[in-house]
Amino acid sequence: MLKTVKLEQRWKDDYLDLLNYAKQIGDVQWQNDIIQTLSNSALYMQQTTLEYQISQLWQQFDAVNTKMLELYKQLRETDNAYASFRLIEEVWGLKLQRVEIGKQLNATYHS
């Protein structure tokens, strides 16, 4: 949440700097565009936050898949029954993580 607040403040500060510059150069159309964008800042930030959350979830999903592939490779290469059992347990844990991330993605897309 703190990241979002800082991002929103930085975004507003940047647009206010642009507005000041547009005033300095006398570009009225650009000033109006910036004011319009600033007036829709809550909607823009909500959309940006949602996109960031989705991106983070996909990165987590990809990381879980990568780890699963590594474990499957180790599983194919091991002859040790105990190591196989441990690897299978770890894979199942990752599968459960992947399902949870999928649920979060689904909820985010349908919110």
PDB file of N, CA and C in Angstrom:
ATOM      1  N   MET A   1       0.822  -1.195   0.000  1.00  0.00           N
ATOM      2  CA  MET A   1       0.000   0.000   0.000  1.00  0.00           C
ATOM      3  C   MET A   1       0.866   1.260   0.000  1.00  0.00           C
ATOM      4  N   LEU A   2       1.930   1.235   0.796  1.00  0.00           N
ATOM      5  CA  LEU A   2       2.822   2.381   0.852  1.00  0.00           C
ATOM      6  C   LEU A   2       3.451   2.645  -0.506  1.00  0.00           C
ATOM      7  N   LYS A   3       3.810   1.573  -1.214  1.00  0.00           N
ATOM      8  CA  LYS A   3       4.363   1.717  -2.557  1.00  0.00           C
ATOM      9  C   LYS A   3       3.373   2.436  -3.466  1.00  0.00           C
ATOM     10  N   THR A   4       2.106   2.056  -3.351  1.00  0.00           N
ATOM     11  CA  THR A   4       1.065   2.652  -4.186  1.00  0.00           C
ATOM     12  C   THR A   4       0.917   4.135  -3.886  1.00  0.00           C
ATOM     13  N   VAL A   5       0.946   4.489  -2.600  1.00  0.00           N
ATOM     14  CA  VAL A   5       0.817   5.893  -2.209  1.00  0.00           C
ATOM     15  C   VAL A   5       1.994   6.698  -2.747  1.00  0.00           C
ATOM     16  N   LYS A   6       3.200   6.163  -2.622  1.00  0.00           N
ATOM     17  CA  LYS A   6       4.380   6.857  -3.140  1.00  0.00           C
ATOM     18  C   LYS A   6       4.319   6.985  -4.655  1.00  0.00           C
ATOM     19  N   LEU A   7       3.887   5.933  -5.320  1.00  0.00           N
ATOM     20  CA  LEU A   7       3.765   5.964  -6.772  1.00  0.00           C
ATOM     21  C   LEU A   7       2.745   7.016  -7.197  1.00  0.00           C
ATOM     22  N   GLU A   8       1.618   7.054  -6.508  1.00  0.00           N
ATOM     23  CA  GLU A   8       0.580   8.033  -6.838  1.00  0.00           C
ATOM     24  C   GLU A   8       1.090   9.454  -6.624  1.00  0.00           C
ATOM     25  N   GLN A   9       1.785   9.689  -5.525  1.00  0.00           N
ATOM     26  CA  GLN A   9       2.309  11.026  -5.252  1.00  0.00           C
ATOM     27  C   GLN A   9       3.349  11.432  -6.292  1.00  0.00           C
ATOM     28  N   ARG A  10       4.217  10.498  -6.655  1.00  0.00           N
ATOM     29  CA  ARG A  10       5.234  10.785  -7.669  1.00  0.00           C
ATOM     30  C   ARG A  10       4.570  11.094  -9.010  1.00  0.00           C
ATOM     31  N   TRP A  11       3.538  10.315  -9.346  1.00  0.00           N
ATOM     32  CA  TRP A  11       2.829  10.526 -10.600  1.00  0.00           C
ATOM     33  C   TRP A  11       2.201  11.923 -10.627  1.00  0.00           C
ATOM     34  N   LYS A  12       1.533  12.299  -9.531  1.00  0.00           N
ATOM     35  CA  LYS A  12       0.907  13.627  -9.461  1.00  0.00           C
ATOM     36  C   LYS A  12       1.957  14.729  -9.537  1.00  0.00           C
ATOM     37  N   ASP A  13       3.059  14.556  -8.813  1.00  0.00           N
ATOM     38  CA  ASP A  13       4.130  15.556  -8.849  1.00  0.00           C
ATOM     39  C   ASP A  13       4.671  15.731 -10.264  1.00  0.00           C
ATOM     40  N   ASP A  14       4.861  14.633 -10.965  1.00  0.00           N
ATOM     41  CA  ASP A  14       5.351  14.707 -12.344  1.00  0.00           C
ATOM     42  C   ASP A  14       4.374  15.465 -13.237  1.00  0.00           C
ATOM     43  N   TYR A  15       3.084  15.185 -13.073  1.00  0.00           N
ATOM     44  CA  TYR A  15       2.094  15.880 -13.897  1.00  0.00           C
ATOM     45  C   TYR A  15       1.983  17.355 -13.528  1.00  0.00           C
ATOM     46  N   LEU A  16       2.149  17.679 -12.257  1.00  0.00           N
ATOM     47  CA  LEU A  16       2.142  19.090 -11.861  1.00  0.00           C
ATOM     48  C   LEU A  16       3.358  19.813 -12.434  1.00  0.00           C
ATOM     49  N   ASP A  17       4.494  19.134 -12.480  1.00  0.00           N
ATOM     50  CA  ASP A  17       5.679  19.718 -13.122  1.00  0.00           C
ATOM     51  C   ASP A  17       5.416  19.962 -14.606  1.00  0.00           C
ATOM     52  N   LEU A  18       4.775  18.997 -15.256  1.00  0.00           N
ATOM     53  CA  LEU A  18       4.429  19.174 -16.672  1.00  0.00           C
ATOM     54  C   LEU A  18       3.461  20.339 -16.859  1.00  0.00           C
ATOM     55  N   LEU A  19       2.508  20.464 -15.948  1.00  0.00           N
ATOM     56  CA  LEU A  19       1.540  21.564 -16.022  1.00  0.00           C
ATOM     57  C   LEU A  19       2.259  22.906 -15.889  1.00  0.00           C
ATOM     58  N   ASN A  20       3.177  23.007 -14.952  1.00  0.00           N
ATOM     59  CA  ASN A  20       3.945  24.250 -14.798  1.00  0.00           C
ATOM     60  C   ASN A  20       4.737  24.563 -16.060  1.00  0.00           C
ATOM     61  N   TYR A  21       5.334  23.544 -16.657  1.00  0.00           N
ATOM     62  CA  TYR A  21       6.091  23.759 -17.886  1.00  0.00           C
ATOM     63  C   TYR A  21       5.164  24.201 -19.025  1.00  0.00           C
ATOM     64  N   ALA A  22       4.006  23.552 -19.128  1.00  0.00           N
ATOM     65  CA  ALA A  22       3.044  23.926 -20.174  1.00  0.00           C
ATOM     66  C   ALA A  22       2.609  25.380 -20.007  1.00  0.00           C
ATOM     67  N   LYS A  23       2.456  25.825 -18.756  1.00  0.00           N
ATOM     68  CA  LYS A  23       2.099  27.231 -18.499  1.00  0.00           C
ATOM     69  C   LYS A  23       3.238  28.158 -18.910  1.00  0.00           C
ATOM     70  N   GLN A  24       4.470  27.748 -18.604  1.00  0.00           N
ATOM     71  CA  GLN A  24       5.632  28.580 -18.943  1.00  0.00           C
ATOM     72  C   GLN A  24       5.760  28.784 -20.443  1.00  0.00           C
ATOM     73  N   ILE A  25       5.474  27.745 -21.215  1.00  0.00           N
ATOM     74  CA  ILE A  25       5.620  27.879 -22.672  1.00  0.00           C
ATOM     75  C   ILE A  25       4.328  28.351 -23.335  1.00  0.00           C
ATOM     76  N   GLY A  26       3.258  28.484 -22.536  1.00  0.00           N
ATOM     77  CA  GLY A  26       2.006  29.021 -23.052  1.00  0.00           C
ATOM     78  C   GLY A  26       1.188  28.056 -23.886  1.00  0.00           C
ATOM     79  N   ASP A  27       1.363  26.782 -23.705  1.00  0.00           N
ATOM     80  CA  ASP A  27       0.615  25.769 -24.460  1.00  0.00           C
ATOM     81  C   ASP A  27      -0.695  25.454 -23.727  1.00  0.00           C
ATOM     82  N   VAL A  28      -1.753  26.168 -24.116  1.00  0.00           N
ATOM     83  CA  VAL A  28      -3.043  26.055 -23.431  1.00  0.00           C
ATOM     84  C   VAL A  28      -3.665  24.676 -23.634  1.00  0.00           C
ATOM     85  N   GLN A  29      -3.574  24.130 -24.830  1.00  0.00           N
ATOM     86  CA  GLN A  29      -4.150  22.807 -25.094  1.00  0.00           C
ATOM     87  C   GLN A  29      -3.493  21.743 -24.218  1.00  0.00           C
ATOM     88  N   TRP A  30      -2.178  21.814 -24.123  1.00  0.00           N
ATOM     89  CA  TRP A  30      -1.451  20.851 -23.292  1.00  0.00           C
ATOM     90  C   TRP A  30      -1.836  21.024 -21.821  1.00  0.00           C
ATOM     91  N   GLN A  31      -1.983  22.277 -21.393  1.00  0.00           N
ATOM     92  CA  GLN A  31      -2.418  22.540 -20.017  1.00  0.00           C
ATOM     93  C   GLN A  31      -3.764  21.875 -19.746  1.00  0.00           C
ATOM     94  N   ASN A  32      -4.693  22.046 -20.682  1.00  0.00           N
ATOM     95  CA  ASN A  32      -6.025  21.451 -20.522  1.00  0.00           C
ATOM     96  C   ASN A  32      -5.957  19.922 -20.488  1.00  0.00           C
ATOM     97  N   ASP A  33      -5.116  19.353 -21.336  1.00  0.00           N
ATOM     98  CA  ASP A  33      -4.947  17.891 -21.339  1.00  0.00           C
ATOM     99  C   ASP A  33      -4.399  17.395 -19.999  1.00  0.00           C
ATOM    100  N   ILE A  34      -3.422  18.108 -19.474  1.00  0.00           N
ATOM    101  CA  ILE A  34      -2.820  17.713 -18.193  1.00  0.00           C
ATOM    102  C   ILE A  34      -3.831  17.854 -17.063  1.00  0.00           C
ATOM    103  N   ILE A  35      -4.590  18.937 -17.068  1.00  0.00           N
ATOM    104  CA  ILE A  35      -5.620  19.136 -16.037  1.00  0.00           C
ATOM    105  C   ILE A  35      -6.657  18.027 -16.112  1.00  0.00           C
ATOM    106  N   GLN A  36      -7.052  17.651 -17.320  1.00  0.00           N
ATOM    107  CA  GLN A  36      -8.009  16.553 -17.498  1.00  0.00           C
ATOM    108  C   GLN A  36      -7.438  15.246 -16.947  1.00  0.00           C
ATOM    109  N   THR A  37      -6.180  14.989 -17.258  1.00  0.00           N
ATOM    110  CA  THR A  37      -5.527  13.771 -16.759  1.00  0.00           C
ATOM    111  C   THR A  37      -5.464  13.781 -15.237  1.00  0.00           C
ATOM    112  N   LEU A  38      -5.105  14.920 -14.660  1.00  0.00           N
ATOM    113  CA  LEU A  38      -5.039  15.022 -13.197  1.00  0.00           C
ATOM    114  C   LEU A  38      -6.409  14.827 -12.553  1.00  0.00           C
ATOM    115  N   SER A  39      -7.453  15.306 -13.214  1.00  0.00           N
ATOM    116  CA  SER A  39      -8.797  15.148 -12.644  1.00  0.00           C
ATOM    117  C   SER A  39      -9.242  13.687 -12.662  1.00  0.00           C
ATOM    118  N   ASN A  40      -8.645  12.890 -13.534  1.00  0.00           N
ATOM    119  CA  ASN A  40      -8.951  11.458 -13.596  1.00  0.00           C
ATOM    120  C   ASN A  40      -7.875  10.622 -12.906  1.00  0.00           C
ATOM    121  N   SER A  41      -7.096  11.239 -12.038  1.00  0.00           N
ATOM    122  CA  SER A  41      -5.951  10.545 -11.444  1.00  0.00           C
ATOM    123  C   SER A  41      -6.356   9.332 -10.617  1.00  0.00           C
ATOM    124  N   ALA A  42      -7.473   9.399  -9.909  1.00  0.00           N
ATOM    125  CA  ALA A  42      -7.899   8.257  -9.086  1.00  0.00           C
ATOM    126  C   ALA A  42      -8.164   7.040  -9.969  1.00  0.00           C
ATOM    127  N   LEU A  43      -8.854   7.260 -11.077  1.00  0.00           N
ATOM    128  CA  LEU A  43      -9.141   6.164 -12.003  1.00  0.00           C
ATOM    129  C   LEU A  43      -7.846   5.632 -12.622  1.00  0.00           C
ATOM    130  N   TYR A  44      -6.973   6.550 -13.014  1.00  0.00           N
ATOM    131  CA  TYR A  44      -5.699   6.147 -13.606  1.00  0.00           C
ATOM    132  C   TYR A  44      -4.876   5.332 -12.614  1.00  0.00           C
ATOM    133  N   MET A  45      -4.805   5.792 -11.378  1.00  0.00           N
ATOM    134  CA  MET A  45      -4.008   5.090 -10.366  1.00  0.00           C
ATOM    135  C   MET A  45      -4.621   3.733 -10.037  1.00  0.00           C
ATOM    136  N   GLN A  46      -5.931   3.658 -10.018  1.00  0.00           N
ATOM    137  CA  GLN A  46      -6.594   2.372  -9.772  1.00  0.00           C
ATOM    138  C   GLN A  46      -6.230   1.386 -10.882  1.00  0.00           C
ATOM    139  N   GLN A  47      -6.271   1.840 -12.112  1.00  0.00           N
ATOM    140  CA  GLN A  47      -5.924   0.992 -13.247  1.00  0.00           C
ATOM    141  C   GLN A  47      -4.452   0.590 -13.200  1.00  0.00           C
ATOM    142  N   THR A  48      -3.595   1.544 -12.889  1.00  0.00           N
ATOM    143  CA  THR A  48      -2.164   1.264 -12.803  1.00  0.00           C
ATOM    144  C   THR A  48      -1.865   0.264 -11.696  1.00  0.00           C
ATOM    145  N   THR A  49      -2.517   0.429 -10.555  1.00  0.00           N
ATOM    146  CA  THR A  49      -2.331  -0.490  -9.431  1.00  0.00           C
ATOM    147  C   THR A  49      -2.785  -1.888  -9.809  1.00  0.00           C
ATOM    148  N   LEU A  50      -3.918  -1.981 -10.482  1.00  0.00           N
ATOM    149  CA  LEU A  50      -4.432  -3.276 -10.917  1.00  0.00           C
ATOM    150  C   LEU A  50      -3.456  -3.946 -11.891  1.00  0.00           C
ATOM    151  N   GLU A  51      -2.942  -3.182 -12.831  1.00  0.00           N
ATOM    152  CA  GLU A  51      -1.972  -3.725 -13.789  1.00  0.00           C
ATOM    153  C   GLU A  51      -0.706  -4.193 -13.078  1.00  0.00           C
ATOM    154  N   TYR A  52      -0.268  -3.437 -12.069  1.00  0.00           N
ATOM    155  CA  TYR A  52       0.919  -3.817 -11.305  1.00  0.00           C
ATOM    156  C   TYR A  52       0.669  -5.119 -10.548  1.00  0.00           C
ATOM    157  N   GLN A  53      -0.492  -5.233  -9.915  1.00  0.00           N
ATOM    158  CA  GLN A  53      -0.828  -6.448  -9.172  1.00  0.00           C
ATOM    159  C   GLN A  53      -0.865  -7.662 -10.097  1.00  0.00           C
ATOM    160  N   ILE A  54      -1.470  -7.494 -11.252  1.00  0.00           N
ATOM    161  CA  ILE A  54      -1.545  -8.590 -12.223  1.00  0.00           C
ATOM    162  C   ILE A  54      -0.140  -8.982 -12.678  1.00  0.00           C
ATOM    163  N   SER A  55       0.692  -7.998 -12.948  1.00  0.00           N
ATOM    164  CA  SER A  55       2.069  -8.268 -13.363  1.00  0.00           C
ATOM    165  C   SER A  55       2.826  -9.046 -12.282  1.00  0.00           C
ATOM    166  N   GLN A  56       2.659  -8.644 -11.039  1.00  0.00           N
ATOM    167  CA  GLN A  56       3.323  -9.333  -9.932  1.00  0.00           C
ATOM    168  C   GLN A  56       2.832 -10.772  -9.802  1.00  0.00           C
ATOM    169  N   LEU A  57       1.534 -10.974  -9.950  1.00  0.00           N
ATOM    170  CA  LEU A  57       0.988 -12.331  -9.861  1.00  0.00           C
ATOM    171  C   LEU A  57       1.526 -13.210 -10.985  1.00  0.00           C
ATOM    172  N   TRP A  58       1.613 -12.669 -12.200  1.00  0.00           N
ATOM    173  CA  TRP A  58       2.151 -13.455 -13.310  1.00  0.00           C
ATOM    174  C   TRP A  58       3.628 -13.783 -13.089  1.00  0.00           C
ATOM    175  N   GLN A  59       4.364 -12.844 -12.510  1.00  0.00           N
ATOM    176  CA  GLN A  59       5.770 -13.125 -12.206  1.00  0.00           C
ATOM    177  C   GLN A  59       5.883 -14.250 -11.184  1.00  0.00           C
ATOM    178  N   GLN A  60       5.013 -14.230 -10.175  1.00  0.00           N
ATOM    179  CA  GLN A  60       5.000 -15.309  -9.184  1.00  0.00           C
ATOM    180  C   GLN A  60       4.647 -16.633  -9.849  1.00  0.00           C
ATOM    181  N   PHE A  61       3.637 -16.610 -10.709  1.00  0.00           N
ATOM    182  CA  PHE A  61       3.196 -17.808 -11.418  1.00  0.00           C
ATOM    183  C   PHE A  61       4.346 -18.385 -12.246  1.00  0.00           C
ATOM    184  N   ASP A  62       5.034 -17.507 -12.979  1.00  0.00           N
ATOM    185  CA  ASP A  62       6.172 -17.946 -13.801  1.00  0.00           C
ATOM    186  C   ASP A  62       7.302 -18.504 -12.942  1.00  0.00           C
ATOM    187  N   ALA A  63       7.560 -17.878 -11.797  1.00  0.00           N
ATOM    188  CA  ALA A  63       8.620 -18.359 -10.902  1.00  0.00           C
ATOM    189  C   ALA A  63       8.285 -19.748 -10.370  1.00  0.00           C
ATOM    190  N   VAL A  64       7.017 -19.970 -10.026  1.00  0.00           N
ATOM    191  CA  VAL A  64       6.589 -21.287  -9.549  1.00  0.00           C
ATOM    192  C   VAL A  64       6.761 -22.316 -10.664  1.00  0.00           C
ATOM    193  N   ASN A  65       6.352 -21.976 -11.875  1.00  0.00           N
ATOM    194  CA  ASN A  65       6.513 -22.902 -13.005  1.00  0.00           C
ATOM    195  C   ASN A  65       7.979 -23.238 -13.249  1.00  0.00           C
ATOM    196  N   THR A  66       8.838 -22.237 -13.191  1.00  0.00           N
ATOM    197  CA  THR A  66      10.269 -22.466 -13.393  1.00  0.00           C
ATOM    198  C   THR A  66      10.820 -23.409 -12.333  1.00  0.00           C
ATOM    199  N   LYS A  67      10.440 -23.171 -11.081  1.00  0.00           N
ATOM    200  CA  LYS A  67      10.897 -24.038  -9.994  1.00  0.00           C
ATOM    201  C   LYS A  67      10.373 -25.464 -10.180  1.00  0.00           C
ATOM    202  N   MET A  68       9.121 -25.591 -10.618  1.00  0.00           N
ATOM    203  CA  MET A  68       8.558 -26.923 -10.859  1.00  0.00           C
ATOM    204  C   MET A  68       9.338 -27.658 -11.947  1.00  0.00           C
ATOM    205  N   LEU A  69       9.687 -26.958 -13.008  1.00  0.00           N
ATOM    206  CA  LEU A  69      10.471 -27.585 -14.076  1.00  0.00           C
ATOM    207  C   LEU A  69      11.826 -28.062 -13.563  1.00  0.00           C
ATOM    208  N   GLU A  70      12.450 -27.255 -12.715  1.00  0.00           N
ATOM    209  CA  GLU A  70      13.730 -27.664 -12.127  1.00  0.00           C
ATOM    210  C   GLU A  70      13.558 -28.927 -11.283  1.00  0.00           C
ATOM    211  N   LEU A  71      12.492 -28.959 -10.490  1.00  0.00           N
ATOM    212  CA  LEU A  71      12.252 -30.121  -9.630  1.00  0.00           C
ATOM    213  C   LEU A  71      11.942 -31.369 -10.453  1.00  0.00           C
ATOM    214  N   TYR A  72      11.153 -31.215 -11.522  1.00  0.00           N
ATOM    215  CA  TYR A  72      10.866 -32.362 -12.391  1.00  0.00           C
ATOM    216  C   TYR A  72      12.152 -32.894 -13.022  1.00  0.00           C
ATOM    217  N   LYS A  73      13.050 -31.996 -13.403  1.00  0.00           N
ATOM    218  CA  LYS A  73      14.329 -32.421 -13.970  1.00  0.00           C
ATOM    219  C   LYS A  73      15.122 -33.214 -12.929  1.00  0.00           C
ATOM    220  N   GLN A  74      15.168 -32.693 -11.707  1.00  0.00           N
ATOM    221  CA  GLN A  74      15.867 -33.407 -10.632  1.00  0.00           C
ATOM    222  C   GLN A  74      15.221 -34.762 -10.371  1.00  0.00           C
ATOM    223  N   LEU A  75      13.905 -34.793 -10.438  1.00  0.00           N
ATOM    224  CA  LEU A  75      13.165 -36.034 -10.195  1.00  0.00           C
ATOM    225  C   LEU A  75      13.522 -37.093 -11.242  1.00  0.00           C
ATOM    226  N   ARG A  76      13.629 -36.674 -12.497  1.00  0.00           N
ATOM    227  CA  ARG A  76      14.009 -37.609 -13.564  1.00  0.00           C
ATOM    228  C   ARG A  76      15.428 -38.134 -13.382  1.00  0.00           C
ATOM    229  N   GLU A  77      16.288 -37.302 -12.803  1.00  0.00           N
ATOM    230  CA  GLU A  77      17.703 -37.652 -12.703  1.00  0.00           C
ATOM    231  C   GLU A  77      18.065 -38.422 -11.434  1.00  0.00           C
ATOM    232  N   THR A  78      17.150 -38.510 -10.460  1.00  0.00           N
ATOM    233  CA  THR A  78      17.510 -39.159  -9.199  1.00  0.00           C
ATOM    234  C   THR A  78      17.071 -40.620  -9.159  1.00  0.00           C
ATOM    235  N   ASP A  79      17.875 -41.413  -8.496  1.00  0.00           N
ATOM    236  CA  ASP A  79      17.539 -42.820  -8.272  1.00  0.00           C
ATOM    237  C   ASP A  79      17.217 -43.065  -6.798  1.00  0.00           C
ATOM    238  N   ASN A  80      17.364 -42.051  -5.991  1.00  0.00           N
ATOM    239  CA  ASN A  80      17.156 -42.154  -4.555  1.00  0.00           C
ATOM    240  C   ASN A  80      15.666 -42.023  -4.238  1.00  0.00           C
ATOM    241  N   ALA A  81      15.099 -43.020  -3.582  1.00  0.00           N
ATOM    242  CA  ALA A  81      13.662 -43.026  -3.278  1.00  0.00           C
ATOM    243  C   ALA A  81      13.287 -41.890  -2.334  1.00  0.00           C
ATOM    244  N   TYR A  82      14.121 -41.642  -1.329  1.00  0.00           N
ATOM    245  CA  TYR A  82      13.819 -40.568  -0.378  1.00  0.00           C
ATOM    246  C   TYR A  82      13.851 -39.212  -1.074  1.00  0.00           C
ATOM    247  N   ALA A  83      14.858 -39.003  -1.915  1.00  0.00           N
ATOM    248  CA  ALA A  83      14.968 -37.744  -2.655  1.00  0.00           C
ATOM    249  C   ALA A  83      13.771 -37.577  -3.589  1.00  0.00           C
ATOM    250  N   SER A  84      13.349 -38.661  -4.221  1.00  0.00           N
ATOM    251  CA  SER A  84      12.174 -38.607  -5.103  1.00  0.00           C
ATOM    252  C   SER A  84      10.935 -38.204  -4.322  1.00  0.00           C
ATOM    253  N   PHE A  85      10.751 -38.807  -3.156  1.00  0.00           N
ATOM    254  CA  PHE A  85       9.594 -38.495  -2.317  1.00  0.00           C
ATOM    255  C   PHE A  85       9.607 -37.021  -1.914  1.00  0.00           C
ATOM    256  N   ARG A  86      10.768 -36.536  -1.504  1.00  0.00           N
ATOM    257  CA  ARG A  86      10.907 -35.135  -1.098  1.00  0.00           C
ATOM    258  C   ARG A  86      10.613 -34.197  -2.274  1.00  0.00           C
ATOM    259  N   LEU A  87      11.119 -34.532  -3.452  1.00  0.00           N
ATOM    260  CA  LEU A  87      10.884 -33.707  -4.638  1.00  0.00           C
ATOM    261  C   LEU A  87       9.407 -33.694  -5.018  1.00  0.00           C
ATOM    262  N   ILE A  88       8.759 -34.855  -4.935  1.00  0.00           N
ATOM    263  CA  ILE A  88       7.329 -34.932  -5.258  1.00  0.00           C
ATOM    264  C   ILE A  88       6.522 -34.079  -4.289  1.00  0.00           C
ATOM    265  N   GLU A  89       6.877 -34.129  -3.007  1.00  0.00           N
ATOM    266  CA  GLU A  89       6.181 -33.293  -2.024  1.00  0.00           C
ATOM    267  C   GLU A  89       6.353 -31.811  -2.342  1.00  0.00           C
ATOM    268  N   GLU A  90       7.556 -31.440  -2.717  1.00  0.00           N
ATOM    269  CA  GLU A  90       7.823 -30.041  -3.045  1.00  0.00           C
ATOM    270  C   GLU A  90       7.043 -29.615  -4.289  1.00  0.00           C
ATOM    271  N   VAL A  91       6.967 -30.497  -5.277  1.00  0.00           N
ATOM    272  CA  VAL A  91       6.194 -30.205  -6.489  1.00  0.00           C
ATOM    273  C   VAL A  91       4.724 -29.997  -6.135  1.00  0.00           C
ATOM    274  N   TRP A  92       4.181 -30.858  -5.269  1.00  0.00           N
ATOM    275  CA  TRP A  92       2.781 -30.704  -4.878  1.00  0.00           C
ATOM    276  C   TRP A  92       2.550 -29.375  -4.169  1.00  0.00           C
ATOM    277  N   GLY A  93       3.482 -28.978  -3.333  1.00  0.00           N
ATOM    278  CA  GLY A  93       3.369 -27.675  -2.675  1.00  0.00           C
ATOM    279  C   GLY A  93       3.346 -26.543  -3.684  1.00  0.00           C
ATOM    280  N   LEU A  94       4.195 -26.652  -4.693  1.00  0.00           N
ATOM    281  CA  LEU A  94       4.235 -25.630  -5.739  1.00  0.00           C
ATOM    282  C   LEU A  94       2.960 -25.639  -6.578  1.00  0.00           C
ATOM    283  N   LYS A  95       2.412 -26.828  -6.821  1.00  0.00           N
ATOM    284  CA  LYS A  95       1.147 -26.903  -7.561  1.00  0.00           C
ATOM    285  C   LYS A  95       0.045 -26.181  -6.796  1.00  0.00           C
ATOM    286  N   LEU A  96       0.024 -26.362  -5.480  1.00  0.00           N
ATOM    287  CA  LEU A  96      -0.975 -25.673  -4.660  1.00  0.00           C
ATOM    288  C   LEU A  96      -0.762 -24.160  -4.703  1.00  0.00           C
ATOM    289  N   GLN A  97       0.494 -23.744  -4.668  1.00  0.00           N
ATOM    290  CA  GLN A  97       0.804 -22.315  -4.787  1.00  0.00           C
ATOM    291  C   GLN A  97       0.303 -21.770  -6.117  1.00  0.00           C
ATOM    292  N   ARG A  98       0.531 -22.537  -7.161  1.00  0.00           N
ATOM    293  CA  ARG A  98       0.123 -22.113  -8.502  1.00  0.00           C
ATOM    294  C   ARG A  98      -1.390 -21.979  -8.597  1.00  0.00           C
ATOM    295  N   VAL A  99      -2.111 -22.905  -7.973  1.00  0.00           N
ATOM    296  CA  VAL A  99      -3.573 -22.823  -7.959  1.00  0.00           C
ATOM    297  C   VAL A  99      -4.017 -21.553  -7.234  1.00  0.00           C
ATOM    298  N   GLU A 100      -3.388 -21.249  -6.100  1.00  0.00           N
ATOM    299  CA  GLU A 100      -3.747 -20.044  -5.345  1.00  0.00           C
ATOM    300  C   GLU A 100      -3.466 -18.781  -6.147  1.00  0.00           C
ATOM    301  N   ILE A 101      -2.335 -18.752  -6.809  1.00  0.00           N
ATOM    302  CA  ILE A 101      -2.009 -17.596  -7.652  1.00  0.00           C
ATOM    303  C   ILE A 101      -3.026 -17.480  -8.782  1.00  0.00           C
ATOM    304  N   GLY A 102      -3.406 -18.607  -9.370  1.00  0.00           N
ATOM    305  CA  GLY A 102      -4.427 -18.606 -10.423  1.00  0.00           C
ATOM    306  C   GLY A 102      -5.750 -18.057  -9.923  1.00  0.00           C
ATOM    307  N   LYS A 103      -6.127 -18.425  -8.706  1.00  0.00           N
ATOM    308  CA  LYS A 103      -7.364 -17.895  -8.116  1.00  0.00           C
ATOM    309  C   LYS A 103      -7.265 -16.382  -7.929  1.00  0.00           C
ATOM    310  N   GLN A 104      -6.102 -15.924  -7.466  1.00  0.00           N
ATOM    311  CA  GLN A 104      -5.911 -14.482  -7.289  1.00  0.00           C
ATOM    312  C   GLN A 104      -5.972 -13.752  -8.627  1.00  0.00           C
ATOM    313  N   LEU A 105      -5.366 -14.343  -9.646  1.00  0.00           N
ATOM    314  CA  LEU A 105      -5.436 -13.736 -10.979  1.00  0.00           C
ATOM    315  C   LEU A 105      -6.876 -13.675 -11.467  1.00  0.00           C
ATOM    316  N   ASN A 106      -7.590 -14.772 -11.304  1.00  0.00           N
ATOM    317  CA  ASN A 106      -8.984 -14.823 -11.725  1.00  0.00           C
ATOM    318  C   ASN A 106      -9.808 -13.756 -11.002  1.00  0.00           C
ATOM    319  N   ALA A 107      -9.608 -13.638  -9.701  1.00  0.00           N
ATOM    320  CA  ALA A 107     -10.342 -12.636  -8.926  1.00  0.00           C
ATOM    321  C   ALA A 107      -9.972 -11.221  -9.372  1.00  0.00           C
ATOM    322  N   THR A 108      -8.709 -11.011  -9.695  1.00  0.00           N
ATOM    323  CA  THR A 108      -8.257  -9.689 -10.121  1.00  0.00           C
ATOM    324  C   THR A 108      -8.840  -9.327 -11.480  1.00  0.00           C
ATOM    325  N   TYR A 109      -8.875 -10.290 -12.390  1.00  0.00           N
ATOM    326  CA  TYR A 109      -9.430 -10.022 -13.718  1.00  0.00           C
ATOM    327  C   TYR A 109     -10.939  -9.788 -13.667  1.00  0.00           C
ATOM    328  N   HIS A 110     -11.616 -10.392 -12.716  1.00  0.00           N
ATOM    329  CA  HIS A 110     -13.073 -10.288 -12.648  1.00  0.00           C
ATOM    330  C   HIS A 110     -13.556  -9.334 -11.565  1.00  0.00           C
ATOM    331  N   SER A 111     -12.673  -8.451 -11.098  1.00  0.00           N
ATOM    332  CA  SER A 111     -13.106  -7.496 -10.064  1.00  0.00           C
ATOM    333  C   SER A 111     -13.538  -6.184 -10.676  1.00  0.00           C
TER     334      SER A 111
END
